Amino acid sequence: MMDENGILFILSGPSGVGKGTVRKELFKRADDLAYSISMTTRERRAGEKDGVDYFYKTNEEFEQLIADNQLLEYAQFVNNYYGTPRKYVEDTLAAGKDVFLEIEVQGAMQVKENFPEGVFIFLFPPSLEELKTRITSRGTESQNAVLKRLKEARGEIEMMDAYDYVVVNDDVDHAVRKVQSIIQSEHCRRERIAKQYKRLLEDDEL
């Protein structure tokens, strides 16, 4: 890879759209991406592991991290905090490795303010009815919570214009292949490699 620094890719979209499923399948196929595990204060779901799915923190611990400016982004969603450790992301990019973030829309907008050179990908549901089915099938939400998430989803979909790419998650395999294409395309952007090419020309004695 000619890029001196890695590229920060942000996958975001409404809750229930399948961000985690797409991310996990992507990482089965790509061994050159670093995943930055988010921190959260929400309760751990069945089967989830600390340090694998999320870093689980208390409200007090999380708020101290905010005060110490140790998060690249953070957001509150359905009364829980979510955030991304700042140092890990910056150090990994500086080492020349791509970083992939899977975060909620609120967090993505903060990253866009703090790190506008990132590549922002919006994962879109085939329909709101399908989104409702996916949320309900989890069996972890009350009816009121499902309705609140759907209301939030409508507002988040309206923020799609802030993203660089949109991928419809109607099929996981298709969605993953589209994300892979975006990653490949971003590495071919002229402005990302122009500096390296100019350096090669300057070093050429011919």
N, C-alpha and C. Protein backbone atom coordinates (compact mmCIF):
# COMPACT_ATOMS: atom_id res chain seq x y z
N MET A 1 0.85 -1.19 0.00
CA MET A 1 0.00 0.00 0.00
C MET A 1 0.88 1.24 0.00
N MET A 2 0.61 2.16 -0.94
CA MET A 2 1.46 3.32 -1.06
C MET A 2 1.11 4.41 -0.05
N ASP A 3 -0.11 4.37 0.49
CA ASP A 3 -0.51 5.40 1.43
C ASP A 3 0.40 5.37 2.64
N GLU A 4 0.84 6.55 3.11
CA GLU A 4 1.66 6.60 4.31
C GLU A 4 0.80 6.32 5.55
N ASN A 5 -0.40 6.85 5.57
CA ASN A 5 -1.30 6.63 6.69
C ASN A 5 -2.46 5.74 6.26
N GLY A 6 -3.02 5.05 7.24
CA GLY A 6 -4.21 4.26 6.95
C GLY A 6 -5.40 5.16 6.74
N ILE A 7 -6.50 4.56 6.32
CA ILE A 7 -7.75 5.28 6.07
C ILE A 7 -8.76 4.87 7.13
N LEU A 8 -9.48 5.84 7.66
CA LEU A 8 -10.53 5.57 8.63
C LEU A 8 -11.85 5.40 7.89
N PHE A 9 -12.44 4.20 8.01
CA PHE A 9 -13.74 3.90 7.40
C PHE A 9 -14.78 3.82 8.50
N ILE A 10 -15.91 4.51 8.30
CA ILE A 10 -16.97 4.53 9.29
C ILE A 10 -18.22 3.92 8.70
N LEU A 11 -18.69 2.82 9.28
CA LEU A 11 -19.94 2.20 8.86
C LEU A 11 -21.00 2.56 9.90
N SER A 12 -22.08 3.16 9.42
CA SER A 12 -23.10 3.65 10.34
C SER A 12 -24.47 3.44 9.72
N GLY A 13 -25.50 3.62 10.52
CA GLY A 13 -26.87 3.45 10.05
C GLY A 13 -27.79 3.22 11.23
N PRO A 14 -29.09 3.11 10.99
CA PRO A 14 -30.05 2.93 12.08
C PRO A 14 -29.82 1.65 12.86
N SER A 15 -30.23 1.65 14.12
CA SER A 15 -30.16 0.45 14.94
C SER A 15 -31.02 -0.63 14.31
N GLY A 16 -30.48 -1.85 14.19
CA GLY A 16 -31.23 -2.96 13.62
C GLY A 16 -31.00 -3.16 12.14
N VAL A 17 -30.22 -2.28 11.50
CA VAL A 17 -30.02 -2.38 10.06
C VAL A 17 -29.04 -3.50 9.70
N GLY A 18 -28.26 -3.97 10.68
CA GLY A 18 -27.35 -5.08 10.43
C GLY A 18 -25.89 -4.68 10.36
N LYS A 19 -25.54 -3.58 11.01
CA LYS A 19 -24.15 -3.11 10.98
C LYS A 19 -23.19 -4.17 11.50
N GLY A 20 -23.53 -4.77 12.62
CA GLY A 20 -22.66 -5.76 13.22
C GLY A 20 -22.49 -6.99 12.34
N THR A 21 -23.57 -7.44 11.72
CA THR A 21 -23.51 -8.61 10.85
C THR A 21 -22.62 -8.34 9.64
N VAL A 22 -22.79 -7.18 9.02
CA VAL A 22 -21.98 -6.82 7.86
C VAL A 22 -20.51 -6.68 8.26
N ARG A 23 -20.26 -6.04 9.38
CA ARG A 23 -18.88 -5.85 9.84
C ARG A 23 -18.20 -7.18 10.11
N LYS A 24 -18.89 -8.10 10.79
CA LYS A 24 -18.29 -9.39 11.11
C LYS A 24 -17.98 -10.19 9.84
N GLU A 25 -18.87 -10.16 8.88
CA GLU A 25 -18.64 -10.88 7.63
C GLU A 25 -17.50 -10.23 6.84
N LEU A 26 -17.44 -8.91 6.86
CA LEU A 26 -16.34 -8.20 6.19
C LEU A 26 -15.00 -8.63 6.76
N PHE A 27 -14.92 -8.74 8.07
CA PHE A 27 -13.65 -9.07 8.71
C PHE A 27 -13.27 -10.54 8.52
N LYS A 28 -14.22 -11.39 8.14
CA LYS A 28 -13.87 -12.76 7.78
C LYS A 28 -13.12 -12.78 6.44
N ARG A 29 -13.40 -11.77 5.62
CA ARG A 29 -12.84 -11.74 4.26
C ARG A 29 -11.64 -10.81 4.14
N ALA A 30 -11.46 -9.91 5.07
CA ALA A 30 -10.38 -8.92 4.97
C ALA A 30 -9.49 -9.03 6.20
N ASP A 31 -8.20 -9.29 5.97
CA ASP A 31 -7.27 -9.41 7.10
C ASP A 31 -6.38 -8.18 7.24
N ASP A 32 -6.68 -7.14 6.47
CA ASP A 32 -5.85 -5.93 6.50
C ASP A 32 -6.59 -4.75 7.11
N LEU A 33 -7.65 -5.02 7.86
CA LEU A 33 -8.41 -3.97 8.53
C LEU A 33 -8.27 -4.12 10.04
N ALA A 34 -8.17 -3.01 10.74
CA ALA A 34 -8.17 -3.02 12.21
C ALA A 34 -9.53 -2.55 12.68
N TYR A 35 -10.15 -3.33 13.55
CA TYR A 35 -11.46 -2.95 14.07
C TYR A 35 -11.31 -2.28 15.42
N SER A 36 -11.85 -1.09 15.54
CA SER A 36 -11.81 -0.39 16.81
C SER A 36 -13.09 -0.72 17.58
N ILE A 37 -12.95 -1.47 18.64
CA ILE A 37 -14.10 -1.87 19.44
C ILE A 37 -14.62 -0.67 20.22
N SER A 38 -15.92 -0.46 20.13
CA SER A 38 -16.53 0.67 20.83
C SER A 38 -16.68 0.39 22.32
N MET A 39 -16.82 1.48 23.06
CA MET A 39 -17.16 1.38 24.49
C MET A 39 -18.63 1.70 24.65
N THR A 40 -19.27 1.09 25.63
CA THR A 40 -20.68 1.35 25.87
C THR A 40 -21.04 1.14 27.34
N THR A 41 -22.14 1.76 27.75
CA THR A 41 -22.65 1.56 29.10
C THR A 41 -23.91 0.69 29.10
N ARG A 42 -24.32 0.22 27.92
CA ARG A 42 -25.53 -0.60 27.90
C ARG A 42 -25.23 -1.99 28.47
N GLU A 43 -26.30 -2.67 28.87
CA GLU A 43 -26.17 -4.01 29.43
C GLU A 43 -25.67 -4.98 28.36
N ARG A 44 -24.85 -5.90 28.78
CA ARG A 44 -24.34 -6.91 27.87
C ARG A 44 -25.45 -7.90 27.50
N ARG A 45 -25.61 -8.16 26.20
CA ARG A 45 -26.60 -9.13 25.74
C ARG A 45 -26.03 -10.54 25.82
N ALA A 46 -26.91 -11.51 25.75
CA ALA A 46 -26.50 -12.92 25.83
C ALA A 46 -25.49 -13.24 24.73
N GLY A 47 -24.38 -13.84 25.12
CA GLY A 47 -23.36 -14.23 24.16
C GLY A 47 -22.31 -13.19 23.88
N GLU A 48 -22.51 -11.95 24.30
CA GLU A 48 -21.53 -10.89 24.06
C GLU A 48 -20.40 -10.98 25.07
N LYS A 49 -19.20 -10.57 24.61
CA LYS A 49 -18.01 -10.63 25.46
C LYS A 49 -17.35 -9.27 25.57
N ASP A 50 -16.93 -8.93 26.78
CA ASP A 50 -16.21 -7.68 27.01
C ASP A 50 -14.87 -7.72 26.28
N GLY A 51 -14.56 -6.66 25.54
CA GLY A 51 -13.31 -6.60 24.80
C GLY A 51 -13.39 -7.26 23.44
N VAL A 52 -14.54 -7.86 23.11
CA VAL A 52 -14.75 -8.47 21.80
C VAL A 52 -15.86 -7.75 21.05
N ASP A 53 -17.05 -7.70 21.68
CA ASP A 53 -18.18 -7.00 21.07
C ASP A 53 -18.14 -5.50 21.42
N TYR A 54 -17.88 -5.21 22.67
CA TYR A 54 -17.73 -3.84 23.19
C TYR A 54 -16.81 -3.88 24.39
N PHE A 55 -16.33 -2.70 24.79
CA PHE A 55 -15.74 -2.52 26.11
C PHE A 55 -16.88 -1.97 26.97
N TYR A 56 -17.29 -2.71 27.97
CA TYR A 56 -18.44 -2.32 28.79
C TYR A 56 -17.97 -1.49 29.98
N LYS A 57 -18.54 -0.29 30.13
CA LYS A 57 -18.15 0.64 31.17
C LYS A 57 -19.39 1.09 31.96
N THR A 58 -19.16 1.53 33.20
CA THR A 58 -20.24 2.16 33.97
C THR A 58 -20.40 3.59 33.49
N ASN A 59 -21.49 4.22 33.85
CA ASN A 59 -21.68 5.63 33.49
C ASN A 59 -20.56 6.49 34.03
N GLU A 60 -20.13 6.21 35.27
CA GLU A 60 -19.08 7.02 35.89
C GLU A 60 -17.76 6.87 35.14
N GLU A 61 -17.42 5.64 34.77
CA GLU A 61 -16.18 5.39 34.02
C GLU A 61 -16.22 6.09 32.66
N PHE A 62 -17.35 6.02 31.99
CA PHE A 62 -17.47 6.60 30.67
C PHE A 62 -17.36 8.12 30.73
N GLU A 63 -18.02 8.71 31.70
CA GLU A 63 -18.00 10.17 31.82
C GLU A 63 -16.61 10.68 32.17
N GLN A 64 -15.82 9.88 32.86
CA GLN A 64 -14.43 10.26 33.13
C GLN A 64 -13.61 10.26 31.84
N LEU A 65 -13.87 9.28 30.97
CA LEU A 65 -13.18 9.24 29.68
C LEU A 65 -13.53 10.46 28.83
N ILE A 66 -14.79 10.89 28.89
CA ILE A 66 -15.21 12.10 28.18
C ILE A 66 -14.44 13.30 28.72
N ALA A 67 -14.39 13.42 30.03
CA ALA A 67 -13.70 14.55 30.66
C ALA A 67 -12.22 14.57 30.31
N ASP A 68 -11.62 13.39 30.14
CA ASP A 68 -10.19 13.29 29.83
C ASP A 68 -9.91 13.36 28.33
N ASN A 69 -10.95 13.60 27.52
CA ASN A 69 -10.81 13.69 26.06
C ASN A 69 -10.18 12.43 25.46
N GLN A 70 -10.60 11.28 25.97
CA GLN A 70 -10.05 10.01 25.53
C GLN A 70 -10.94 9.29 24.51
N LEU A 71 -11.95 9.99 23.99
CA LEU A 71 -12.85 9.38 23.02
C LEU A 71 -12.87 10.20 21.73
N LEU A 72 -12.77 9.50 20.60
CA LEU A 72 -12.86 10.17 19.31
C LEU A 72 -14.28 10.65 19.06
N GLU A 73 -15.23 9.91 19.58
CA GLU A 73 -16.64 10.29 19.50
C GLU A 73 -17.38 9.60 20.63
N TYR A 74 -18.52 10.17 20.98
CA TYR A 74 -19.41 9.47 21.90
C TYR A 74 -20.82 9.98 21.68
N ALA A 75 -21.78 9.16 22.04
CA ALA A 75 -23.17 9.53 21.86
C ALA A 75 -24.01 8.81 22.90
N GLN A 76 -25.21 9.35 23.15
CA GLN A 76 -26.19 8.67 23.98
C GLN A 76 -27.31 8.19 23.08
N PHE A 77 -27.63 6.91 23.19
CA PHE A 77 -28.69 6.33 22.37
C PHE A 77 -29.52 5.41 23.24
N VAL A 78 -30.82 5.72 23.33
CA VAL A 78 -31.74 4.98 24.20
C VAL A 78 -31.15 4.86 25.61
N ASN A 79 -30.73 6.01 26.14
CA ASN A 79 -30.24 6.15 27.52
C ASN A 79 -28.92 5.44 27.80
N ASN A 80 -28.17 5.08 26.78
CA ASN A 80 -26.86 4.47 26.97
C ASN A 80 -25.79 5.24 26.21
N TYR A 81 -24.57 5.25 26.75
CA TYR A 81 -23.43 5.87 26.08
C TYR A 81 -22.76 4.87 25.14
N TYR A 82 -22.27 5.39 24.02
CA TYR A 82 -21.41 4.64 23.09
C TYR A 82 -20.25 5.55 22.71
N GLY A 83 -19.05 5.00 22.53
CA GLY A 83 -17.92 5.85 22.15
C GLY A 83 -16.77 5.06 21.59
N THR A 84 -15.83 5.77 20.98
CA THR A 84 -14.66 5.16 20.34
C THR A 84 -13.38 5.68 20.97
N PRO A 85 -12.50 4.79 21.43
CA PRO A 85 -11.21 5.21 22.01
C PRO A 85 -10.38 5.98 20.98
N ARG A 86 -9.97 7.18 21.32
CA ARG A 86 -9.26 8.05 20.39
C ARG A 86 -7.84 7.56 20.08
N LYS A 87 -7.08 7.21 21.10
CA LYS A 87 -5.66 6.91 20.90
C LYS A 87 -5.45 5.70 19.98
N TYR A 88 -6.25 4.67 20.17
CA TYR A 88 -6.10 3.47 19.35
C TYR A 88 -6.27 3.81 17.87
N VAL A 89 -7.29 4.58 17.55
CA VAL A 89 -7.57 4.93 16.16
C VAL A 89 -6.42 5.73 15.56
N GLU A 90 -6.00 6.77 16.26
CA GLU A 90 -4.95 7.64 15.73
C GLU A 90 -3.62 6.89 15.59
N ASP A 91 -3.27 6.07 16.56
CA ASP A 91 -2.01 5.32 16.49
C ASP A 91 -2.02 4.30 15.35
N THR A 92 -3.14 3.64 15.16
CA THR A 92 -3.24 2.62 14.12
C THR A 92 -3.16 3.25 12.73
N LEU A 93 -3.83 4.37 12.54
CA LEU A 93 -3.76 5.07 11.25
C LEU A 93 -2.34 5.54 10.96
N ALA A 94 -1.67 6.06 11.99
CA ALA A 94 -0.30 6.56 11.82
C ALA A 94 0.65 5.43 11.46
N ALA A 95 0.31 4.20 11.86
CA ALA A 95 1.15 3.04 11.54
C ALA A 95 0.88 2.52 10.14
N GLY A 96 -0.02 3.17 9.41
CA GLY A 96 -0.29 2.79 8.04
C GLY A 96 -1.37 1.74 7.85
N LYS A 97 -2.15 1.47 8.90
CA LYS A 97 -3.19 0.44 8.81
C LYS A 97 -4.57 1.09 8.82
N ASP A 98 -5.46 0.57 7.98
CA ASP A 98 -6.83 1.07 7.96
C ASP A 98 -7.56 0.71 9.24
N VAL A 99 -8.44 1.60 9.66
CA VAL A 99 -9.28 1.36 10.84
C VAL A 99 -10.74 1.38 10.40
N PHE A 100 -11.52 0.44 10.90
CA PHE A 100 -12.93 0.33 10.54
C PHE A 100 -13.77 0.52 11.80
N LEU A 101 -14.64 1.51 11.77
CA LEU A 101 -15.53 1.79 12.89
C LEU A 101 -16.95 1.40 12.53
N GLU A 102 -17.63 0.76 13.45
CA GLU A 102 -19.05 0.45 13.31
C GLU A 102 -19.75 1.17 14.46
N ILE A 103 -20.43 2.26 14.14
CA ILE A 103 -20.99 3.11 15.20
C ILE A 103 -22.37 3.63 14.82
N GLU A 104 -23.06 4.17 15.82
CA GLU A 104 -24.37 4.77 15.59
C GLU A 104 -24.22 6.11 14.87
N VAL A 105 -25.32 6.60 14.35
CA VAL A 105 -25.31 7.82 13.53
C VAL A 105 -24.82 9.03 14.31
N GLN A 106 -25.25 9.17 15.56
CA GLN A 106 -24.81 10.32 16.36
C GLN A 106 -23.28 10.35 16.48
N GLY A 107 -22.71 9.18 16.74
CA GLY A 107 -21.26 9.09 16.86
C GLY A 107 -20.57 9.39 15.55
N ALA A 108 -21.14 8.93 14.44
CA ALA A 108 -20.54 9.17 13.13
C ALA A 108 -20.47 10.66 12.82
N MET A 109 -21.48 11.40 13.24
CA MET A 109 -21.48 12.85 12.98
C MET A 109 -20.38 13.55 13.79
N GLN A 110 -20.10 13.05 14.98
CA GLN A 110 -19.00 13.61 15.76
C GLN A 110 -17.65 13.30 15.11
N VAL A 111 -17.51 12.07 14.61
CA VAL A 111 -16.27 11.72 13.93
C VAL A 111 -16.09 12.60 12.71
N LYS A 112 -17.17 12.89 12.01
CA LYS A 112 -17.10 13.74 10.82
C LYS A 112 -16.58 15.12 11.18
N GLU A 113 -16.95 15.62 12.35
CA GLU A 113 -16.44 16.92 12.82
C GLU A 113 -14.98 16.82 13.22
N ASN A 114 -14.61 15.76 13.92
CA ASN A 114 -13.26 15.61 14.45
C ASN A 114 -12.27 15.02 13.45
N PHE A 115 -12.78 14.26 12.47
CA PHE A 115 -11.92 13.58 11.52
C PHE A 115 -12.61 13.55 10.16
N PRO A 116 -12.76 14.74 9.52
CA PRO A 116 -13.53 14.84 8.27
C PRO A 116 -12.94 14.07 7.11
N GLU A 117 -11.65 13.71 7.18
CA GLU A 117 -11.04 12.96 6.09
C GLU A 117 -11.40 11.48 6.11
N GLY A 118 -12.17 11.05 7.10
CA GLY A 118 -12.65 9.68 7.13
C GLY A 118 -13.61 9.41 5.98
N VAL A 119 -13.85 8.12 5.72
CA VAL A 119 -14.77 7.71 4.65
C VAL A 119 -16.04 7.18 5.33
N PHE A 120 -17.17 7.83 5.06
CA PHE A 120 -18.41 7.56 5.79
C PHE A 120 -19.38 6.76 4.92
N ILE A 121 -19.76 5.58 5.43
CA ILE A 121 -20.64 4.65 4.70
C ILE A 121 -21.93 4.47 5.49
N PHE A 122 -23.05 4.73 4.86
CA PHE A 122 -24.36 4.60 5.51
C PHE A 122 -24.99 3.29 5.08
N LEU A 123 -25.29 2.43 6.05
CA LEU A 123 -25.95 1.15 5.78
C LEU A 123 -27.46 1.37 5.87
N PHE A 124 -28.13 1.12 4.76
CA PHE A 124 -29.54 1.47 4.60
C PHE A 124 -30.41 0.22 4.63
N PRO A 125 -31.54 0.25 5.33
CA PRO A 125 -32.43 -0.92 5.34
C PRO A 125 -33.24 -0.99 4.04
N PRO A 126 -33.63 -2.19 3.61
CA PRO A 126 -34.45 -2.30 2.41
C PRO A 126 -35.77 -1.55 2.55
N SER A 127 -36.31 -1.51 3.77
CA SER A 127 -37.55 -0.79 4.06
C SER A 127 -37.68 -0.62 5.57
N LEU A 128 -38.53 0.30 6.01
CA LEU A 128 -38.76 0.46 7.44
C LEU A 128 -39.48 -0.75 8.03
N GLU A 129 -40.31 -1.40 7.22
CA GLU A 129 -40.99 -2.61 7.68
C GLU A 129 -39.99 -3.73 7.97
N GLU A 130 -39.00 -3.86 7.08
CA GLU A 130 -37.95 -4.85 7.30
C GLU A 130 -37.13 -4.50 8.53
N LEU A 131 -36.86 -3.20 8.72
CA LEU A 131 -36.11 -2.76 9.89
C LEU A 131 -36.87 -3.11 11.17
N LYS A 132 -38.18 -2.89 11.16
CA LYS A 132 -39.01 -3.24 12.33
C LYS A 132 -38.94 -4.73 12.61
N THR A 133 -38.99 -5.54 11.57
CA THR A 133 -38.93 -7.00 11.72
C THR A 133 -37.60 -7.42 12.34
N ARG A 134 -36.50 -6.81 11.88
CA ARG A 134 -35.18 -7.16 12.40
C ARG A 134 -35.04 -6.79 13.87
N ILE A 135 -35.55 -5.62 14.24
CA ILE A 135 -35.46 -5.19 15.64
C ILE A 135 -36.32 -6.09 16.53
N THR A 136 -37.53 -6.40 16.07
CA THR A 136 -38.45 -7.21 16.85
C THR A 136 -37.92 -8.63 17.03
N SER A 137 -37.27 -9.17 15.98
CA SER A 137 -36.81 -10.55 16.03
C SER A 137 -35.69 -10.77 17.04
N ARG A 138 -35.05 -9.68 17.47
CA ARG A 138 -34.02 -9.82 18.50
C ARG A 138 -34.59 -10.37 19.80
N GLY A 139 -35.83 -9.97 20.10
CA GLY A 139 -36.46 -10.40 21.34
C GLY A 139 -35.90 -9.72 22.57
N THR A 140 -35.14 -8.63 22.37
CA THR A 140 -34.51 -7.94 23.50
C THR A 140 -35.16 -6.59 23.79
N GLU A 141 -36.17 -6.22 22.99
CA GLU A 141 -36.77 -4.89 23.11
C GLU A 141 -38.25 -4.99 23.45
N SER A 142 -38.74 -4.10 24.32
CA SER A 142 -40.17 -3.99 24.56
C SER A 142 -40.82 -3.31 23.35
N GLN A 143 -42.13 -3.37 23.27
CA GLN A 143 -42.83 -2.72 22.15
C GLN A 143 -42.54 -1.23 22.12
N ASN A 144 -42.53 -0.60 23.29
CA ASN A 144 -42.24 0.84 23.35
C ASN A 144 -40.83 1.14 22.86
N ALA A 145 -39.88 0.27 23.22
CA ALA A 145 -38.49 0.48 22.79
C ALA A 145 -38.37 0.31 21.28
N VAL A 146 -39.12 -0.65 20.71
CA VAL A 146 -39.10 -0.84 19.26
C VAL A 146 -39.62 0.39 18.54
N LEU A 147 -40.72 0.92 19.03
CA LEU A 147 -41.30 2.12 18.42
C LEU A 147 -40.36 3.31 18.54
N LYS A 148 -39.66 3.41 19.67
CA LYS A 148 -38.70 4.51 19.85
C LYS A 148 -37.54 4.37 18.89
N ARG A 149 -37.07 3.14 18.69
CA ARG A 149 -35.96 2.92 17.75
C ARG A 149 -36.38 3.24 16.32
N LEU A 150 -37.60 2.90 15.94
CA LEU A 150 -38.08 3.19 14.59
C LEU A 150 -38.21 4.69 14.36
N LYS A 151 -38.66 5.40 15.40
CA LYS A 151 -38.75 6.86 15.30
C LYS A 151 -37.36 7.46 15.13
N GLU A 152 -36.39 6.94 15.91
CA GLU A 152 -35.01 7.39 15.79
C GLU A 152 -34.48 7.10 14.38
N ALA A 153 -34.83 5.92 13.85
CA ALA A 153 -34.33 5.50 12.54
C ALA A 153 -34.78 6.46 11.45
N ARG A 154 -36.01 6.93 11.52
CA ARG A 154 -36.50 7.89 10.51
C ARG A 154 -35.63 9.15 10.51
N GLY A 155 -35.31 9.65 11.68
CA GLY A 155 -34.48 10.85 11.77
C GLY A 155 -33.07 10.60 11.28
N GLU A 156 -32.55 9.39 11.56
CA GLU A 156 -31.19 9.06 11.14
C GLU A 156 -31.09 8.90 9.63
N ILE A 157 -32.12 8.33 9.02
CA ILE A 157 -32.13 8.16 7.56
C ILE A 157 -32.10 9.52 6.87
N GLU A 158 -32.71 10.51 7.49
CA GLU A 158 -32.70 11.86 6.92
C GLU A 158 -31.31 12.48 6.94
N MET A 159 -30.39 11.92 7.72
CA MET A 159 -29.02 12.44 7.81
C MET A 159 -28.09 11.77 6.80
N MET A 160 -28.64 10.96 5.92
CA MET A 160 -27.85 10.21 4.96
C MET A 160 -27.00 11.10 4.06
N ASP A 161 -27.43 12.33 3.81
CA ASP A 161 -26.69 13.24 2.94
C ASP A 161 -25.30 13.58 3.48
N ALA A 162 -25.07 13.34 4.76
CA ALA A 162 -23.76 13.65 5.36
C ALA A 162 -22.73 12.55 5.07
N TYR A 163 -23.14 11.48 4.42
CA TYR A 163 -22.26 10.34 4.18
C TYR A 163 -21.69 10.36 2.76
N ASP A 164 -20.58 9.65 2.58
CA ASP A 164 -19.95 9.56 1.26
C ASP A 164 -20.56 8.47 0.40
N TYR A 165 -20.98 7.38 1.02
CA TYR A 165 -21.53 6.24 0.30
C TYR A 165 -22.76 5.71 1.01
N VAL A 166 -23.65 5.07 0.25
CA VAL A 166 -24.82 4.39 0.81
C VAL A 166 -24.84 2.96 0.30
N VAL A 167 -24.98 2.01 1.23
CA VAL A 167 -25.06 0.59 0.88
C VAL A 167 -26.37 0.05 1.44
N VAL A 168 -27.21 -0.53 0.57
CA VAL A 168 -28.47 -1.12 1.01
C VAL A 168 -28.20 -2.55 1.49
N ASN A 169 -28.58 -2.84 2.71
CA ASN A 169 -28.34 -4.17 3.28
C ASN A 169 -29.55 -5.07 3.05
N ASP A 170 -29.81 -5.37 1.76
CA ASP A 170 -30.88 -6.32 1.44
C ASP A 170 -30.36 -7.75 1.42
N ASP A 171 -29.05 -7.90 1.32
CA ASP A 171 -28.39 -9.20 1.34
C ASP A 171 -26.99 -8.98 1.90
N VAL A 172 -26.62 -9.74 2.92
CA VAL A 172 -25.35 -9.50 3.61
C VAL A 172 -24.16 -9.65 2.66
N ASP A 173 -24.17 -10.70 1.84
CA ASP A 173 -23.05 -10.92 0.92
C ASP A 173 -22.89 -9.74 -0.05
N HIS A 174 -23.99 -9.28 -0.62
CA HIS A 174 -23.94 -8.15 -1.54
C HIS A 174 -23.45 -6.89 -0.83
N ALA A 175 -23.94 -6.66 0.38
CA ALA A 175 -23.55 -5.47 1.15
C ALA A 175 -22.06 -5.49 1.45
N VAL A 176 -21.55 -6.64 1.86
CA VAL A 176 -20.12 -6.75 2.18
C VAL A 176 -19.27 -6.50 0.94
N ARG A 177 -19.67 -7.06 -0.18
CA ARG A 177 -18.89 -6.87 -1.40
C ARG A 177 -18.87 -5.39 -1.83
N LYS A 178 -19.97 -4.70 -1.59
CA LYS A 178 -20.01 -3.27 -1.90
C LYS A 178 -19.06 -2.49 -0.99
N VAL A 179 -19.04 -2.84 0.29
CA VAL A 179 -18.12 -2.17 1.22
C VAL A 179 -16.68 -2.44 0.82
N GLN A 180 -16.37 -3.68 0.42
CA GLN A 180 -15.02 -4.00 -0.04
C GLN A 180 -14.64 -3.17 -1.26
N SER A 181 -15.58 -2.97 -2.15
CA SER A 181 -15.32 -2.15 -3.34
C SER A 181 -15.03 -0.70 -2.97
N ILE A 182 -15.75 -0.21 -1.97
CA ILE A 182 -15.52 1.17 -1.50
C ILE A 182 -14.11 1.30 -0.94
N ILE A 183 -13.69 0.33 -0.14
CA ILE A 183 -12.35 0.35 0.45
C ILE A 183 -11.28 0.36 -0.65
N GLN A 184 -11.44 -0.51 -1.63
CA GLN A 184 -10.48 -0.59 -2.73
C GLN A 184 -10.44 0.71 -3.52
N SER A 185 -11.63 1.28 -3.77
CA SER A 185 -11.70 2.51 -4.55
C SER A 185 -11.03 3.67 -3.82
N GLU A 186 -11.22 3.74 -2.51
CA GLU A 186 -10.63 4.84 -1.74
C GLU A 186 -9.11 4.79 -1.77
N HIS A 187 -8.54 3.60 -1.83
CA HIS A 187 -7.09 3.48 -1.90
C HIS A 187 -6.55 3.87 -3.27
N CYS A 188 -7.43 3.96 -4.25
CA CYS A 188 -7.00 4.36 -5.60
C CYS A 188 -7.23 5.84 -5.88
N ARG A 189 -7.75 6.56 -4.92
CA ARG A 189 -8.00 7.99 -5.14
C ARG A 189 -6.68 8.73 -5.37
N ARG A 190 -6.69 9.57 -6.38
CA ARG A 190 -5.47 10.28 -6.77
C ARG A 190 -4.87 11.06 -5.63
N GLU A 191 -5.69 11.79 -4.87
CA GLU A 191 -5.14 12.65 -3.84
C GLU A 191 -4.47 11.87 -2.70
N ARG A 192 -4.84 10.59 -2.55
CA ARG A 192 -4.24 9.80 -1.47
C ARG A 192 -2.82 9.35 -1.82
N ILE A 193 -2.54 9.20 -3.10
CA ILE A 193 -1.22 8.68 -3.49
C ILE A 193 -0.38 9.70 -4.24
N ALA A 194 -0.91 10.91 -4.49
CA ALA A 194 -0.17 11.92 -5.25
C ALA A 194 1.16 12.26 -4.59
N LYS A 195 1.16 12.37 -3.27
CA LYS A 195 2.39 12.73 -2.56
C LYS A 195 3.47 11.67 -2.77
N GLN A 196 3.07 10.40 -2.73
CA GLN A 196 4.05 9.33 -2.91
C GLN A 196 4.59 9.30 -4.34
N TYR A 197 3.73 9.54 -5.33
CA TYR A 197 4.19 9.57 -6.71
C TYR A 197 5.15 10.73 -6.95
N LYS A 198 4.84 11.87 -6.38
CA LYS A 198 5.72 13.03 -6.55
C LYS A 198 7.08 12.76 -5.93
N ARG A 199 7.09 12.06 -4.82
CA ARG A 199 8.35 11.73 -4.16
C ARG A 199 9.16 10.76 -5.04
N LEU A 200 8.47 9.83 -5.68
CA LEU A 200 9.17 8.91 -6.58
C LEU A 200 9.81 9.65 -7.75
N LEU A 201 9.09 10.62 -8.30
CA LEU A 201 9.63 11.40 -9.41
C LEU A 201 10.84 12.24 -8.97
N GLU A 202 10.77 12.78 -7.76
CA GLU A 202 11.89 13.58 -7.26
C GLU A 202 13.12 12.73 -7.01
N ASP A 203 12.92 11.47 -6.64
CA ASP A 203 14.03 10.57 -6.35
C ASP A 203 14.60 9.92 -7.61
N ASP A 204 13.86 10.02 -8.71
CA ASP A 204 14.31 9.38 -9.95
C ASP A 204 15.43 10.21 -10.58
N GLU A 205 16.56 9.60 -10.84
CA GLU A 205 17.69 10.32 -11.39
C GLU A 205 17.65 10.41 -12.90
N LEU A 206 16.72 9.71 -13.54
CA LEU A 206 16.64 9.76 -15.00
C LEU A 206 16.09 11.08 -15.49
